PDB file of all heavy atoms in Angstrom:
ATOM      1  N   GLY A   1      68.460  -3.889 -32.780  1.00  0.00           N
ATOM      2  CA  GLY A   1      68.200  -4.933 -31.812  1.00  0.00           C
ATOM      3  C   GLY A   1      66.853  -5.609 -31.928  1.00  0.00           C
ATOM      4  O   GLY A   1      66.516  -6.437 -31.077  1.00  0.00           O
ATOM      5  N   LYS A   2      66.082  -5.281 -32.955  1.00  0.00           N
ATOM      6  CA  LYS A   2      64.761  -5.859 -33.113  1.00  0.00           C
ATOM      7  C   LYS A   2      64.646  -6.563 -34.459  1.00  0.00           C
ATOM      8  O   LYS A   2      65.372  -6.267 -35.405  1.00  0.00           O
ATOM      9  CB  LYS A   2      63.681  -4.786 -32.990  1.00  0.00           C
ATOM     10  CG  LYS A   2      63.689  -4.051 -31.663  1.00  0.00           C
ATOM     11  CD  LYS A   2      62.531  -3.079 -31.541  1.00  0.00           C
ATOM     12  CE  LYS A   2      61.199  -3.805 -31.388  1.00  0.00           C
ATOM     13  NZ  LYS A   2      60.081  -2.847 -31.155  1.00  0.00           N
ATOM     14  N   GLN A   3      63.699  -7.482 -34.534  1.00  0.00           N
ATOM     15  CA  GLN A   3      63.437  -8.202 -35.772  1.00  0.00           C
ATOM     16  C   GLN A   3      62.722  -7.294 -36.767  1.00  0.00           C
ATOM     17  O   GLN A   3      62.021  -6.352 -36.385  1.00  0.00           O
ATOM     18  CB  GLN A   3      62.575  -9.436 -35.496  1.00  0.00           C
ATOM     19  CG  GLN A   3      63.176 -10.434 -34.523  1.00  0.00           C
ATOM     20  CD  GLN A   3      64.067 -11.432 -35.193  1.00  0.00           C
ATOM     21  OE1 GLN A   3      64.859 -11.092 -36.081  1.00  0.00           O
ATOM     22  NE2 GLN A   3      63.955 -12.682 -34.787  1.00  0.00           N
ATOM     23  N   ARG A   4      62.904  -7.611 -38.041  1.00  0.00           N
ATOM     24  CA  ARG A   4      62.149  -6.917 -39.068  1.00  0.00           C
ATOM     25  C   ARG A   4      60.666  -7.166 -38.863  1.00  0.00           C
ATOM     26  O   ARG A   4      60.243  -8.304 -38.623  1.00  0.00           O
ATOM     27  CB  ARG A   4      62.589  -7.395 -40.448  1.00  0.00           C
ATOM     28  CG  ARG A   4      61.898  -6.688 -41.603  1.00  0.00           C
ATOM     29  CD  ARG A   4      62.359  -7.249 -42.932  1.00  0.00           C
ATOM     30  NE  ARG A   4      62.031  -8.654 -43.064  1.00  0.00           N
ATOM     31  CZ  ARG A   4      62.442  -9.444 -44.054  1.00  0.00           C
ATOM     32  NH1 ARG A   4      63.221  -8.953 -45.009  1.00  0.00           N
ATOM     33  NH2 ARG A   4      62.081 -10.716 -44.088  1.00  0.00           N
ATOM     34  N   GLU A   5      59.876  -6.123 -38.976  1.00  0.00           N
ATOM     35  CA  GLU A   5      58.458  -6.180 -38.687  1.00  0.00           C
ATOM     36  C   GLU A   5      57.663  -5.709 -39.893  1.00  0.00           C
ATOM     37  O   GLU A   5      57.950  -4.657 -40.458  1.00  0.00           O
ATOM     38  CB  GLU A   5      58.128  -5.293 -37.482  1.00  0.00           C
ATOM     39  CG  GLU A   5      56.654  -5.211 -37.132  1.00  0.00           C
ATOM     40  CD  GLU A   5      56.390  -4.249 -35.991  1.00  0.00           C
ATOM     41  OE1 GLU A   5      56.981  -3.143 -35.986  1.00  0.00           O
ATOM     42  OE2 GLU A   5      55.602  -4.611 -35.093  1.00  0.00           O
ATOM     43  N   ARG A   6      56.663  -6.466 -40.272  1.00  0.00           N
ATOM     44  CA  ARG A   6      55.751  -6.026 -41.309  1.00  0.00           C
ATOM     45  C   ARG A   6      54.801  -4.993 -40.735  1.00  0.00           C
ATOM     46  O   ARG A   6      54.122  -5.249 -39.738  1.00  0.00           O
ATOM     47  CB  ARG A   6      54.970  -7.203 -41.892  1.00  0.00           C
ATOM     48  CG  ARG A   6      54.169  -6.835 -43.133  1.00  0.00           C
ATOM     49  CD  ARG A   6      53.386  -8.026 -43.645  1.00  0.00           C
ATOM     50  NE  ARG A   6      52.269  -8.354 -42.777  1.00  0.00           N
ATOM     51  CZ  ARG A   6      51.520  -9.439 -42.899  1.00  0.00           C
ATOM     52  NH1 ARG A   6      51.795 -10.328 -43.850  1.00  0.00           N
ATOM     53  NH2 ARG A   6      50.515  -9.650 -42.071  1.00  0.00           N
ATOM     54  N   VAL A   7      54.746  -3.839 -41.371  1.00  0.00           N
ATOM     55  CA  VAL A   7      53.925  -2.738 -40.893  1.00  0.00           C
ATOM     56  C   VAL A   7      52.579  -2.705 -41.596  1.00  0.00           C
ATOM     57  O   VAL A   7      51.530  -2.577 -40.954  1.00  0.00           O
ATOM     58  CB  VAL A   7      54.658  -1.398 -41.073  1.00  0.00           C
ATOM     59  CG1 VAL A   7      53.779  -0.229 -40.626  1.00  0.00           C
ATOM     60  CG2 VAL A   7      55.969  -1.405 -40.295  1.00  0.00           C
ATOM     61  N   ALA A   8      52.588  -2.774 -42.918  1.00  0.00           N
ATOM     62  CA  ALA A   8      51.361  -2.626 -43.681  1.00  0.00           C
ATOM     63  C   ALA A   8      51.518  -3.279 -45.036  1.00  0.00           C
ATOM     64  O   ALA A   8      52.613  -3.341 -45.591  1.00  0.00           O
ATOM     65  CB  ALA A   8      50.999  -1.149 -43.855  1.00  0.00           C
ATOM     66  N   LEU A   9      50.402  -3.755 -45.579  1.00  0.00           N
ATOM     67  CA  LEU A   9      50.344  -4.341 -46.911  1.00  0.00           C
ATOM     68  C   LEU A   9      49.192  -3.720 -47.682  1.00  0.00           C
ATOM     69  O   LEU A   9      48.172  -3.353 -47.100  1.00  0.00           O
ATOM     70  CB  LEU A   9      50.114  -5.849 -46.859  1.00  0.00           C
ATOM     71  CG  LEU A   9      51.167  -6.738 -46.207  1.00  0.00           C
ATOM     72  CD1 LEU A   9      50.646  -8.169 -46.138  1.00  0.00           C
ATOM     73  CD2 LEU A   9      52.467  -6.677 -46.979  1.00  0.00           C
ATOM     74  N   VAL A  10      49.354  -3.644 -48.994  1.00  0.00           N
ATOM     75  CA  VAL A  10      48.254  -3.298 -49.876  1.00  0.00           C
ATOM     76  C   VAL A  10      48.325  -4.207 -51.090  1.00  0.00           C
ATOM     77  O   VAL A  10      49.380  -4.356 -51.713  1.00  0.00           O
ATOM     78  CB  VAL A  10      48.263  -1.802 -50.270  1.00  0.00           C
ATOM     79  CG1 VAL A  10      49.559  -1.398 -50.956  1.00  0.00           C
ATOM     80  CG2 VAL A  10      47.055  -1.475 -51.141  1.00  0.00           C
ATOM     81  N   THR A  11      47.204  -4.842 -51.426  1.00  0.00           N
ATOM     82  CA  THR A  11      47.168  -5.753 -52.555  1.00  0.00           C
ATOM     83  C   THR A  11      46.879  -5.007 -53.841  1.00  0.00           C
ATOM     84  O   THR A  11      46.546  -3.824 -53.847  1.00  0.00           O
ATOM     85  CB  THR A  11      46.099  -6.831 -52.351  1.00  0.00           C
ATOM     86  OG1 THR A  11      44.802  -6.235 -52.473  1.00  0.00           O
ATOM     87  CG2 THR A  11      46.229  -7.499 -50.997  1.00  0.00           C
ATOM     88  N   GLY A  12      46.981  -5.740 -54.961  1.00  0.00           N
ATOM     89  CA  GLY A  12      46.613  -5.157 -56.236  1.00  0.00           C
ATOM     90  C   GLY A  12      45.157  -4.759 -56.310  1.00  0.00           C
ATOM     91  O   GLY A  12      44.799  -3.892 -57.109  1.00  0.00           O
ATOM     92  N   GLY A  13      44.327  -5.389 -55.494  1.00  0.00           N
ATOM     93  CA  GLY A  13      42.924  -5.036 -55.401  1.00  0.00           C
ATOM     94  C   GLY A  13      42.620  -4.000 -54.341  1.00  0.00           C
ATOM     95  O   GLY A  13      41.454  -3.800 -54.006  1.00  0.00           O
ATOM     96  N   ASP A  14      43.656  -3.372 -53.796  1.00  0.00           N
ATOM     97  CA  ASP A  14      43.541  -2.277 -52.831  1.00  0.00           C
ATOM     98  C   ASP A  14      43.018  -2.749 -51.476  1.00  0.00           C
ATOM     99  O   ASP A  14      42.448  -1.962 -50.719  1.00  0.00           O
ATOM    100  CB  ASP A  14      42.657  -1.158 -53.380  1.00  0.00           C
ATOM    101  CG  ASP A  14      43.008   0.202 -52.809  1.00  0.00           C
ATOM    102  OD1 ASP A  14      44.193   0.430 -52.489  1.00  0.00           O
ATOM    103  OD2 ASP A  14      42.099   1.041 -52.671  1.00  0.00           O
ATOM    104  N   LYS A  15      43.223  -4.019 -51.161  1.00  0.00           N
ATOM    105  CA  LYS A  15      42.969  -4.494 -49.805  1.00  0.00           C
ATOM    106  C   LYS A  15      44.175  -4.173 -48.940  1.00  0.00           C
ATOM    107  O   LYS A  15      45.315  -4.300 -49.381  1.00  0.00           O
ATOM    108  CB  LYS A  15      42.708  -5.995 -49.795  1.00  0.00           C
ATOM    109  CG  LYS A  15      41.591  -6.448 -50.720  1.00  0.00           C
ATOM    110  CD  LYS A  15      40.238  -5.954 -50.260  1.00  0.00           C
ATOM    111  CE  LYS A  15      39.131  -6.540 -51.136  1.00  0.00           C
ATOM    112  NZ  LYS A  15      37.790  -6.080 -50.720  1.00  0.00           N
ATOM    113  N   THR A  16      43.931  -3.778 -47.696  1.00  0.00           N
ATOM    114  CA  THR A  16      45.012  -3.377 -46.809  1.00  0.00           C
ATOM    115  C   THR A  16      45.021  -4.196 -45.534  1.00  0.00           C
ATOM    116  O   THR A  16      44.004  -4.759 -45.116  1.00  0.00           O
ATOM    117  CB  THR A  16      44.913  -1.889 -46.454  1.00  0.00           C
ATOM    118  OG1 THR A  16      43.673  -1.639 -45.792  1.00  0.00           O
ATOM    119  CG2 THR A  16      45.003  -1.030 -47.705  1.00  0.00           C
ATOM    120  N   ASN A  17      46.187  -4.238 -44.914  1.00  0.00           N
ATOM    121  CA  ASN A  17      46.353  -4.916 -43.644  1.00  0.00           C
ATOM    122  C   ASN A  17      47.450  -4.202 -42.876  1.00  0.00           C
ATOM    123  O   ASN A  17      48.418  -3.724 -43.477  1.00  0.00           O
ATOM    124  CB  ASN A  17      46.707  -6.385 -43.852  1.00  0.00           C
ATOM    125  CG  ASN A  17      46.473  -7.230 -42.614  1.00  0.00           C
ATOM    126  OD1 ASN A  17      45.936  -6.767 -41.613  1.00  0.00           O
ATOM    127  ND2 ASN A  17      46.885  -8.492 -42.686  1.00  0.00           N
ATOM    128  N   TYR A  18      47.308  -4.140 -41.545  1.00  0.00           N
ATOM    129  CA  TYR A  18      48.239  -3.403 -40.702  1.00  0.00           C
ATOM    130  C   TYR A  18      48.590  -4.199 -39.465  1.00  0.00           C
ATOM    131  O   TYR A  18      47.764  -4.945 -38.927  1.00  0.00           O
ATOM    132  CB  TYR A  18      47.636  -2.078 -40.244  1.00  0.00           C
ATOM    133  CG  TYR A  18      47.239  -1.154 -41.365  1.00  0.00           C
ATOM    134  CD1 TYR A  18      45.959  -1.196 -41.905  1.00  0.00           C
ATOM    135  CD2 TYR A  18      48.142  -0.233 -41.886  1.00  0.00           C
ATOM    136  CE1 TYR A  18      45.587  -0.352 -42.935  1.00  0.00           C
ATOM    137  CE2 TYR A  18      47.779   0.617 -42.914  1.00  0.00           C
ATOM    138  CZ  TYR A  18      46.504   0.556 -43.434  1.00  0.00           C
ATOM    139  OH  TYR A  18      46.141   1.399 -44.460  1.00  0.00           O
ATOM    140  N   VAL A  19      49.802  -3.992 -38.997  1.00  0.00           N
ATOM    141  CA  VAL A  19      50.160  -4.514 -37.691  1.00  0.00           C
ATOM    142  C   VAL A  19      49.375  -3.741 -36.631  1.00  0.00           C
ATOM    143  O   VAL A  19      49.072  -2.552 -36.800  1.00  0.00           O
ATOM    144  CB  VAL A  19      51.682  -4.412 -37.460  1.00  0.00           C
ATOM    145  CG1 VAL A  19      52.128  -2.962 -37.364  1.00  0.00           C
ATOM    146  CG2 VAL A  19      52.106  -5.211 -36.243  1.00  0.00           C
ATOM    147  N   ASP A  20      49.006  -4.424 -35.545  1.00  0.00           N
ATOM    148  CA  ASP A  20      48.130  -3.816 -34.558  1.00  0.00           C
ATOM    149  C   ASP A  20      48.659  -2.493 -34.014  1.00  0.00           C
ATOM    150  O   ASP A  20      47.879  -1.574 -33.740  1.00  0.00           O
ATOM    151  CB  ASP A  20      47.896  -4.782 -33.397  1.00  0.00           C
ATOM    152  CG  ASP A  20      46.960  -5.921 -33.745  1.00  0.00           C
ATOM    153  OD1 ASP A  20      46.265  -5.845 -34.773  1.00  0.00           O
ATOM    154  OD2 ASP A  20      46.924  -6.899 -32.975  1.00  0.00           O
ATOM    155  N   SER A  21      49.962  -2.379 -33.856  1.00  0.00           N
ATOM    156  CA  SER A  21      50.533  -1.205 -33.228  1.00  0.00           C
ATOM    157  C   SER A  21      50.369   0.076 -34.040  1.00  0.00           C
ATOM    158  O   SER A  21      50.537   1.171 -33.494  1.00  0.00           O
ATOM    159  CB  SER A  21      52.014  -1.430 -32.925  1.00  0.00           C
ATOM    160  OG  SER A  21      52.746  -1.668 -34.112  1.00  0.00           O
ATOM    161  N   VAL A  22      50.050  -0.026 -35.327  1.00  0.00           N
ATOM    162  CA  VAL A  22      49.905   1.170 -36.155  1.00  0.00           C
ATOM    163  C   VAL A  22      48.480   1.384 -36.633  1.00  0.00           C
ATOM    164  O   VAL A  22      48.208   2.399 -37.296  1.00  0.00           O
ATOM    165  CB  VAL A  22      50.856   1.155 -37.365  1.00  0.00           C
ATOM    166  CG1 VAL A  22      52.279   0.859 -36.924  1.00  0.00           C
ATOM    167  CG2 VAL A  22      50.397   0.161 -38.429  1.00  0.00           C
ATOM    168  N   LYS A  23      47.575   0.492 -36.315  1.00  0.00           N
ATOM    169  CA  LYS A  23      46.193   0.641 -36.755  1.00  0.00           C
ATOM    170  C   LYS A  23      45.598   1.946 -36.234  1.00  0.00           C
ATOM    171  O   LYS A  23      45.746   2.289 -35.067  1.00  0.00           O
ATOM    172  CB  LYS A  23      45.347  -0.544 -36.285  1.00  0.00           C
ATOM    173  CG  LYS A  23      45.628  -1.826 -37.035  1.00  0.00           C
ATOM    174  CD  LYS A  23      44.756  -2.969 -36.536  1.00  0.00           C
ATOM    175  CE  LYS A  23      45.020  -4.242 -37.320  1.00  0.00           C
ATOM    176  NZ  LYS A  23      44.221  -5.388 -36.817  1.00  0.00           N
ATOM    177  N   GLY A  24      44.943   2.654 -37.124  1.00  0.00           N
ATOM    178  CA  GLY A  24      44.371   3.943 -36.778  1.00  0.00           C
ATOM    179  C   GLY A  24      45.322   5.101 -36.910  1.00  0.00           C
ATOM    180  O   GLY A  24      44.898   6.262 -36.819  1.00  0.00           O
ATOM    181  N   ARG A  25      46.603   4.817 -37.121  1.00  0.00           N
ATOM    182  CA  ARG A  25      47.606   5.873 -37.245  1.00  0.00           C
ATOM    183  C   ARG A  25      48.260   5.904 -38.618  1.00  0.00           C
ATOM    184  O   ARG A  25      48.606   6.978 -39.104  1.00  0.00           O
ATOM    185  CB  ARG A  25      48.688   5.706 -36.180  1.00  0.00           C
ATOM    186  CG  ARG A  25      48.170   5.767 -34.755  1.00  0.00           C
ATOM    187  CD  ARG A  25      49.311   5.836 -33.742  1.00  0.00           C
ATOM    188  NE  ARG A  25      50.163   4.652 -33.783  1.00  0.00           N
ATOM    189  CZ  ARG A  25      51.458   4.660 -34.080  1.00  0.00           C
ATOM    190  NH1 ARG A  25      52.078   5.804 -34.356  1.00  0.00           N
ATOM    191  NH2 ARG A  25      52.155   3.532 -34.081  1.00  0.00           N
ATOM    192  N   PHE A  26      48.458   4.748 -39.231  1.00  0.00           N
ATOM    193  CA  PHE A  26      49.140   4.651 -40.521  1.00  0.00           C
ATOM    194  C   PHE A  26      48.148   4.249 -41.605  1.00  0.00           C
ATOM    195  O   PHE A  26      47.217   3.473 -41.353  1.00  0.00           O
ATOM    196  CB  PHE A  26      50.246   3.601 -40.484  1.00  0.00           C
ATOM    197  CG  PHE A  26      51.445   3.935 -39.640  1.00  0.00           C
ATOM    198  CD1 PHE A  26      51.460   5.017 -38.774  1.00  0.00           C
ATOM    199  CD2 PHE A  26      52.583   3.142 -39.718  1.00  0.00           C
ATOM    200  CE1 PHE A  26      52.568   5.312 -37.997  1.00  0.00           C
ATOM    201  CE2 PHE A  26      53.698   3.425 -38.950  1.00  0.00           C
ATOM    202  CZ  PHE A  26      53.691   4.506 -38.088  1.00  0.00           C
ATOM    203  N   THR A  27      48.383   4.737 -42.809  1.00  0.00           N
ATOM    204  CA  THR A  27      47.577   4.369 -43.959  1.00  0.00           C
ATOM    205  C   THR A  27      48.482   4.058 -45.137  1.00  0.00           C
ATOM    206  O   THR A  27      49.314   4.882 -45.517  1.00  0.00           O
ATOM    207  CB  THR A  27      46.607   5.490 -44.353  1.00  0.00           C
ATOM    208  OG1 THR A  27      45.756   5.808 -43.250  1.00  0.00           O
ATOM    209  CG2 THR A  27      45.747   5.059 -45.541  1.00  0.00           C
ATOM    210  N   ILE A  28      48.322   2.870 -45.713  1.00  0.00           N
ATOM    211  CA  ILE A  28      49.063   2.499 -46.902  1.00  0.00           C
ATOM    212  C   ILE A  28      48.166   2.691 -48.124  1.00  0.00           C
ATOM    213  O   ILE A  28      46.967   2.414 -48.077  1.00  0.00           O
ATOM    214  CB  ILE A  28      49.592   1.052 -46.819  1.00  0.00           C
ATOM    215  CG1 ILE A  28      50.541   0.741 -47.978  1.00  0.00           C
ATOM    216  CG2 ILE A  28      48.459   0.045 -46.742  1.00  0.00           C
ATOM    217  CD1 ILE A  28      51.287  -0.582 -47.825  1.00  0.00           C
ATOM    218  N   SER A  29      48.754   3.172 -49.207  1.00  0.00           N
ATOM    219  CA  SER A  29      48.011   3.369 -50.437  1.00  0.00           C
ATOM    220  C   SER A  29      48.965   3.218 -51.614  1.00  0.00           C
ATOM    221  O   SER A  29      50.187   3.181 -51.440  1.00  0.00           O
ATOM    222  CB  SER A  29      47.322   4.732 -50.465  1.00  0.00           C
ATOM    223  OG  SER A  29      48.274   5.782 -50.397  1.00  0.00           O
TER     224      SER A  29
END
């Protein structure tokens, strides 16, 4: 019942980005 949500990204240069709801809890690598 919910839309697809982007959770986290990591670039080729190891830059990361997170949706606010998971910041501090999730880590992408």
